[in-house]
């Protein structure tokens, strides 16, 4: 009996950790569109190089954010490893999982014509989720423009601005994914 329960738990965990191909494709497409947008911005860059203004880089804020992010990741990982029956799967994979996609689809289907209480905030949060990979992609090519990084958070270097923007996007992405998970219809089964 115990082995059947354990096997079922592993099957649930495997299902929760399985990536949704459509979700991954949509987020990857948003990333690629961001790269294209960054390239367009770079192509239309100004030939006049702006001067660096002291105090615009927010490096201290991002060092603190990075420390807090590492602490949160450590706590989440420790908490997940201590739970014996971790049916939810990895919290880092969760936004891209087949379970999350099924819950989103169920929320949209059940909200159609009945209520916008869940649908409207879910749609807005979904747009924010899609903005994160778009913005990360934009930074790859657009950040080559010296004017894009000279007074940017993490600037004036390309690498500093890239890391600061990506850190902001990743933190924002998972915060919004958590909020969205609270709105989505629960899984069946």
C-alpha atoms as a PDB file:
ATOM      1  CA  UNK A   1       0.000   0.000   0.000  1.00  0.00           C
ATOM      2  CA  UNK A   2       2.776   2.426   0.918  1.00  0.00           C
ATOM      3  CA  UNK A   3       4.597   1.867  -2.386  1.00  0.00           C
ATOM      4  CA  UNK A   4       1.372   2.641  -4.279  1.00  0.00           C
ATOM      5  CA  UNK A   5       1.003   5.892  -2.347  1.00  0.00           C
ATOM      6  CA  UNK A   6       4.636   6.788  -2.974  1.00  0.00           C
ATOM      7  CA  UNK A   7       4.324   5.971  -6.675  1.00  0.00           C
ATOM      8  CA  UNK A   8       1.167   8.104  -6.926  1.00  0.00           C
ATOM      9  CA  UNK A   9       2.941  10.961  -5.171  1.00  0.00           C
ATOM     10  CA  UNK A  10       5.852  10.688  -7.591  1.00  0.00           C
ATOM     11  CA  UNK A  11       3.459  10.659 -10.537  1.00  0.00           C
ATOM     12  CA  UNK A  12       1.757  13.812  -9.194  1.00  0.00           C
ATOM     13  CA  UNK A  13       5.141  15.475  -8.675  1.00  0.00           C
ATOM     14  CA  UNK A  14       6.271  14.476 -12.174  1.00  0.00           C
ATOM     15  CA  UNK A  15       3.041  15.878 -13.654  1.00  0.00           C
ATOM     16  CA  UNK A  16       3.432  19.129 -11.693  1.00  0.00           C
ATOM     17  CA  UNK A  17       7.053  19.505 -12.883  1.00  0.00           C
ATOM     18  CA  UNK A  18       6.306  18.716 -16.549  1.00  0.00           C
ATOM     19  CA  UNK A  19       6.750  21.757 -18.749  1.00  0.00           C
ATOM     20  CA  UNK A  20       3.933  22.953 -20.952  1.00  0.00           C
ATOM     21  CA  UNK A  21       5.334  23.217 -24.468  1.00  0.00           C
ATOM     22  CA  UNK A  22       2.879  25.984 -25.294  1.00  0.00           C
ATOM     23  CA  UNK A  23       3.803  28.016 -22.185  1.00  0.00           C
ATOM     24  CA  UNK A  24       7.524  27.656 -22.861  1.00  0.00           C
ATOM     25  CA  UNK A  25       6.988  28.580 -26.539  1.00  0.00           C
ATOM     26  CA  UNK A  26       4.958  31.685 -25.627  1.00  0.00           C
ATOM     27  CA  UNK A  27       7.543  32.902 -23.100  1.00  0.00           C
ATOM     28  CA  UNK A  28      10.379  32.159 -25.529  1.00  0.00           C
ATOM     29  CA  UNK A  29       8.518  34.059 -28.273  1.00  0.00           C
ATOM     30  CA  UNK A  30       8.155  37.039 -25.914  1.00  0.00           C
ATOM     31  CA  UNK A  31      11.925  36.842 -25.279  1.00  0.00           C
ATOM     32  CA  UNK A  32      12.677  36.747 -29.032  1.00  0.00           C
ATOM     33  CA  UNK A  33      10.298  39.649 -29.713  1.00  0.00           C
ATOM     34  CA  UNK A  34      12.173  41.543 -27.004  1.00  0.00           C
ATOM     35  CA  UNK A  35      15.477  40.859 -28.751  1.00  0.00           C
ATOM     36  CA  UNK A  36      13.983  42.190 -32.005  1.00  0.00           C
ATOM     37  CA  UNK A  37      12.620  45.293 -30.233  1.00  0.00           C
ATOM     38  CA  UNK A  38      16.042  45.853 -28.631  1.00  0.00           C
ATOM     39  CA  UNK A  39      17.690  45.576 -32.058  1.00  0.00           C
ATOM     40  CA  UNK A  40      15.222  48.110 -33.497  1.00  0.00           C
ATOM     41  CA  UNK A  41      15.937  50.487 -30.610  1.00  0.00           C
ATOM     42  CA  UNK A  42      19.663  49.991 -31.117  1.00  0.00           C
ATOM     43  CA  UNK A  43      19.345  50.691 -34.846  1.00  0.00           C
ATOM     44  CA  UNK A  44      17.614  53.999 -34.054  1.00  0.00           C
ATOM     45  CA  UNK A  45      20.064  55.054 -31.329  1.00  0.00           C
ATOM     46  CA  UNK A  46      21.248  58.613 -31.005  1.00  0.00           C
ATOM     47  CA  UNK A  47      24.778  59.391 -32.192  1.00  0.00           C
ATOM     48  CA  UNK A  48      25.139  61.796 -29.253  1.00  0.00           C
ATOM     49  CA  UNK A  49      26.423  59.999 -26.158  1.00  0.00           C
ATOM     50  CA  UNK A  50      24.808  61.141 -22.904  1.00  0.00           C
ATOM     51  CA  UNK A  51      26.940  61.963 -19.873  1.00  0.00           C
ATOM     52  CA  UNK A  52      26.765  59.766 -16.792  1.00  0.00           C
ATOM     53  CA  UNK A  53      24.846  61.359 -13.923  1.00  0.00           C
ATOM     54  CA  UNK A  54      26.069  60.251 -10.503  1.00  0.00           C
ATOM     55  CA  UNK A  55      23.506  58.419  -8.401  1.00  0.00           C
ATOM     56  CA  UNK A  56      21.446  57.033 -11.284  1.00  0.00           C
ATOM     57  CA  UNK A  57      22.769  53.486 -11.254  1.00  0.00           C
ATOM     58  CA  UNK A  58      21.015  52.039  -8.130  1.00  0.00           C
ATOM     59  CA  UNK A  59      23.814  49.512  -7.637  1.00  0.00           C
ATOM     60  CA  UNK A  60      23.346  49.494  -3.855  1.00  0.00           C
ATOM     61  CA  UNK A  61      19.625  48.747  -4.264  1.00  0.00           C
ATOM     62  CA  UNK A  62      20.409  45.861  -6.592  1.00  0.00           C
ATOM     63  CA  UNK A  63      23.065  44.403  -4.299  1.00  0.00           C
ATOM     64  CA  UNK A  64      20.448  44.386  -1.508  1.00  0.00           C
ATOM     65  CA  UNK A  65      17.849  42.908  -3.911  1.00  0.00           C
ATOM     66  CA  UNK A  66      20.316  40.192  -4.944  1.00  0.00           C
ATOM     67  CA  UNK A  67      21.017  39.298  -1.297  1.00  0.00           C
ATOM     68  CA  UNK A  68      17.287  39.177  -0.515  1.00  0.00           C
ATOM     69  CA  UNK A  69      16.643  37.101  -3.668  1.00  0.00           C
ATOM     70  CA  UNK A  70      19.350  34.602  -2.690  1.00  0.00           C
ATOM     71  CA  UNK A  71      17.856  34.364   0.823  1.00  0.00           C
ATOM     72  CA  UNK A  72      14.344  33.814  -0.572  1.00  0.00           C
ATOM     73  CA  UNK A  73      15.595  31.145  -2.992  1.00  0.00           C
ATOM     74  CA  UNK A  74      17.424  29.390  -0.140  1.00  0.00           C
ATOM     75  CA  UNK A  75      14.338  29.454   2.112  1.00  0.00           C
ATOM     76  CA  UNK A  76      12.042  28.224  -0.676  1.00  0.00           C
ATOM     77  CA  UNK A  77      14.452  25.423  -1.604  1.00  0.00           C
ATOM     78  CA  UNK A  78      14.931  24.396   2.034  1.00  0.00           C
ATOM     79  CA  UNK A  79      11.182  24.448   2.628  1.00  0.00           C
ATOM     80  CA  UNK A  80      10.512  22.395  -0.506  1.00  0.00           C
ATOM     81  CA  UNK A  81      13.154  19.811   0.410  1.00  0.00           C
ATOM     82  CA  UNK A  82      11.747  19.395   3.933  1.00  0.00           C
ATOM     83  CA  UNK A  83       8.212  18.662   2.727  1.00  0.00           C
ATOM     84  CA  UNK A  84       7.822  14.902   2.438  1.00  0.00           C
ATOM     85  CA  UNK A  85       4.926  15.024  -0.007  1.00  0.00           C
ATOM     86  CA  UNK A  86       5.921  17.783  -2.378  1.00  0.00           C
ATOM     87  CA  UNK A  87       3.086  17.375  -4.868  1.00  0.00           C
ATOM     88  CA  UNK A  88       3.345  20.935  -6.063  1.00  0.00           C
ATOM     89  CA  UNK A  89       6.670  20.282  -7.762  1.00  0.00           C
ATOM     90  CA  UNK A  90       9.411  22.842  -8.171  1.00  0.00           C
ATOM     91  CA  UNK A  91       8.299  26.400  -7.501  1.00  0.00           C
ATOM     92  CA  UNK A  92      10.741  27.574 -10.207  1.00  0.00           C
ATOM     93  CA  UNK A  93       9.155  25.359 -12.884  1.00  0.00           C
ATOM     94  CA  UNK A  94       5.580  25.958 -11.693  1.00  0.00           C
ATOM     95  CA  UNK A  95       4.775  28.991 -13.911  1.00  0.00           C
ATOM     96  CA  UNK A  96       5.758  26.987 -17.014  1.00  0.00           C
ATOM     97  CA  UNK A  97       4.124  23.695 -15.983  1.00  0.00           C
ATOM     98  CA  UNK A  98       1.277  21.831 -17.618  1.00  0.00           C
ATOM     99  CA  UNK A  99      -0.597  22.204 -14.325  1.00  0.00           C
ATOM    100  CA  UNK A 100      -0.324  26.023 -14.421  1.00  0.00           C
ATOM    101  CA  UNK A 101      -1.431  26.105 -18.056  1.00  0.00           C
ATOM    102  CA  UNK A 102      -4.429  23.857 -17.294  1.00  0.00           C
ATOM    103  CA  UNK A 103      -5.391  26.116 -14.370  1.00  0.00           C
ATOM    104  CA  UNK A 104      -5.131  29.211 -16.597  1.00  0.00           C
ATOM    105  CA  UNK A 105      -7.273  27.572 -19.261  1.00  0.00           C
ATOM    106  CA  UNK A 106      -9.829  26.482 -16.642  1.00  0.00           C
ATOM    107  CA  UNK A 107      -9.955  30.018 -15.197  1.00  0.00           C
ATOM    108  CA  UNK A 108     -10.594  31.513 -18.632  1.00  0.00           C
ATOM    109  CA  UNK A 109     -13.193  28.885 -19.497  1.00  0.00           C
ATOM    110  CA  UNK A 110     -15.131  29.232 -16.223  1.00  0.00           C
ATOM    111  CA  UNK A 111     -14.977  33.033 -16.301  1.00  0.00           C
ATOM    112  CA  UNK A 112     -16.410  33.326 -19.808  1.00  0.00           C
ATOM    113  CA  UNK A 113     -19.787  35.001 -19.556  1.00  0.00           C
ATOM    114  CA  UNK A 114     -20.034  34.467 -15.811  1.00  0.00           C
ATOM    115  CA  UNK A 115     -17.703  36.854 -14.053  1.00  0.00           C
ATOM    116  CA  UNK A 116     -14.657  38.982 -14.630  1.00  0.00           C
ATOM    117  CA  UNK A 117     -13.629  38.836 -10.966  1.00  0.00           C
ATOM    118  CA  UNK A 118     -10.835  36.393 -11.747  1.00  0.00           C
ATOM    119  CA  UNK A 119     -10.436  36.920 -15.471  1.00  0.00           C
ATOM    120  CA  UNK A 120      -9.507  40.615 -15.527  1.00  0.00           C
ATOM    121  CA  UNK A 121      -6.769  40.478 -12.865  1.00  0.00           C
ATOM    122  CA  UNK A 122      -5.504  37.185 -14.326  1.00  0.00           C
ATOM    123  CA  UNK A 123      -5.242  38.751 -17.801  1.00  0.00           C
ATOM    124  CA  UNK A 124      -3.393  41.781 -16.408  1.00  0.00           C
ATOM    125  CA  UNK A 125      -0.981  39.581 -14.454  1.00  0.00           C
ATOM    126  CA  UNK A 126      -0.427  37.438 -17.550  1.00  0.00           C
ATOM    127  CA  UNK A 127       0.606  40.555 -19.480  1.00  0.00           C
ATOM    128  CA  UNK A 128       3.095  41.402 -16.724  1.00  0.00           C
ATOM    129  CA  UNK A 129       4.442  37.821 -16.857  1.00  0.00           C
ATOM    130  CA  UNK A 130       4.937  38.148 -20.613  1.00  0.00           C
ATOM    131  CA  UNK A 131       6.636  41.527 -20.194  1.00  0.00           C
ATOM    132  CA  UNK A 132       9.465  40.030 -18.116  1.00  0.00           C
ATOM    133  CA  UNK A 133      10.978  37.813 -20.858  1.00  0.00           C
ATOM    134  CA  UNK A 134      10.245  40.548 -23.429  1.00  0.00           C
ATOM    135  CA  UNK A 135      12.199  43.083 -21.328  1.00  0.00           C
ATOM    136  CA  UNK A 136      15.029  40.625 -20.735  1.00  0.00           C
ATOM    137  CA  UNK A 137      15.326  40.038 -24.471  1.00  0.00           C
ATOM    138  CA  UNK A 138      15.197  43.756 -25.190  1.00  0.00           C
ATOM    139  CA  UNK A 139      18.139  44.346 -22.871  1.00  0.00           C
ATOM    140  CA  UNK A 140      20.406  41.948 -24.761  1.00  0.00           C
ATOM    141  CA  UNK A 141      20.757  44.034 -27.929  1.00  0.00           C
ATOM    142  CA  UNK A 142      19.271  47.350 -26.812  1.00  0.00           C
ATOM    143  CA  UNK A 143      21.744  47.486 -23.945  1.00  0.00           C
ATOM    144  CA  UNK A 144      24.650  47.705 -26.386  1.00  0.00           C
ATOM    145  CA  UNK A 145      23.647  51.332 -26.973  1.00  0.00           C
ATOM    146  CA  UNK A 146      25.781  53.351 -24.517  1.00  0.00           C
ATOM    147  CA  UNK A 147      22.846  55.732 -23.952  1.00  0.00           C
ATOM    148  CA  UNK A 148      20.707  52.800 -22.798  1.00  0.00           C
ATOM    149  CA  UNK A 149      23.134  51.942 -19.998  1.00  0.00           C
ATOM    150  CA  UNK A 150      24.955  55.138 -19.055  1.00  0.00           C
ATOM    151  CA  UNK A 151      22.293  56.192 -16.535  1.00  0.00           C
ATOM    152  CA  UNK A 152      20.479  52.867 -16.213  1.00  0.00           C
ATOM    153  CA  UNK A 153      20.030  50.896 -13.021  1.00  0.00           C
ATOM    154  CA  UNK A 154      23.193  48.862 -12.757  1.00  0.00           C
ATOM    155  CA  UNK A 155      24.898  51.068 -15.361  1.00  0.00           C
ATOM    156  CA  UNK A 156      26.966  52.615 -16.698  1.00  0.00           C
ATOM    157  CA  UNK A 157      28.290  49.283 -17.996  1.00  0.00           C
ATOM    158  CA  UNK A 158      26.412  46.877 -20.270  1.00  0.00           C
ATOM    159  CA  UNK A 159      26.914  43.934 -17.904  1.00  0.00           C
ATOM    160  CA  UNK A 160      25.809  45.898 -14.814  1.00  0.00           C
ATOM    161  CA  UNK A 161      22.657  47.160 -16.530  1.00  0.00           C
ATOM    162  CA  UNK A 162      21.909  43.698 -17.924  1.00  0.00           C
ATOM    163  CA  UNK A 163      22.250  42.052 -14.505  1.00  0.00           C
ATOM    164  CA  UNK A 164      20.141  44.724 -12.784  1.00  0.00           C
ATOM    165  CA  UNK A 165      17.354  44.519 -15.375  1.00  0.00           C
ATOM    166  CA  UNK A 166      17.357  40.735 -15.401  1.00  0.00           C
ATOM    167  CA  UNK A 167      17.312  40.603 -11.593  1.00  0.00           C
ATOM    168  CA  UNK A 168      14.321  42.973 -11.545  1.00  0.00           C
ATOM    169  CA  UNK A 169      12.551  40.936 -14.234  1.00  0.00           C
ATOM    170  CA  UNK A 170      13.129  37.588 -12.537  1.00  0.00           C
ATOM    171  CA  UNK A 171      12.024  38.841  -9.110  1.00  0.00           C
ATOM    172  CA  UNK A 172       8.991  40.534 -10.636  1.00  0.00           C
ATOM    173  CA  UNK A 173       8.167  37.469 -12.733  1.00  0.00           C
ATOM    174  CA  UNK A 174       8.057  35.092  -9.775  1.00  0.00           C
ATOM    175  CA  UNK A 175       6.210  37.580  -7.552  1.00  0.00           C
ATOM    176  CA  UNK A 176       3.530  37.995 -10.231  1.00  0.00           C
ATOM    177  CA  UNK A 177       3.474  34.227 -10.893  1.00  0.00           C
ATOM    178  CA  UNK A 178       2.772  33.689  -7.179  1.00  0.00           C
ATOM    179  CA  UNK A 179      -0.047  36.270  -7.202  1.00  0.00           C
ATOM    180  CA  UNK A 180      -1.485  34.741 -10.345  1.00  0.00           C
ATOM    181  CA  UNK A 181      -1.386  31.247  -8.831  1.00  0.00           C
ATOM    182  CA  UNK A 182      -3.645  32.545  -6.060  1.00  0.00           C
ATOM    183  CA  UNK A 183      -6.218  33.719  -8.632  1.00  0.00           C
ATOM    184  CA  UNK A 184      -6.264  30.720 -10.946  1.00  0.00           C
ATOM    185  CA  UNK A 185      -8.927  28.053 -10.640  1.00  0.00           C
ATOM    186  CA  UNK A 186      -7.678  25.054  -8.675  1.00  0.00           C
ATOM    187  CA  UNK A 187      -6.571  21.933 -10.495  1.00  0.00           C
ATOM    188  CA  UNK A 188      -8.956  19.082 -10.882  1.00  0.00           C
ATOM    189  CA  UNK A 189      -7.758  15.796  -9.538  1.00  0.00           C
END
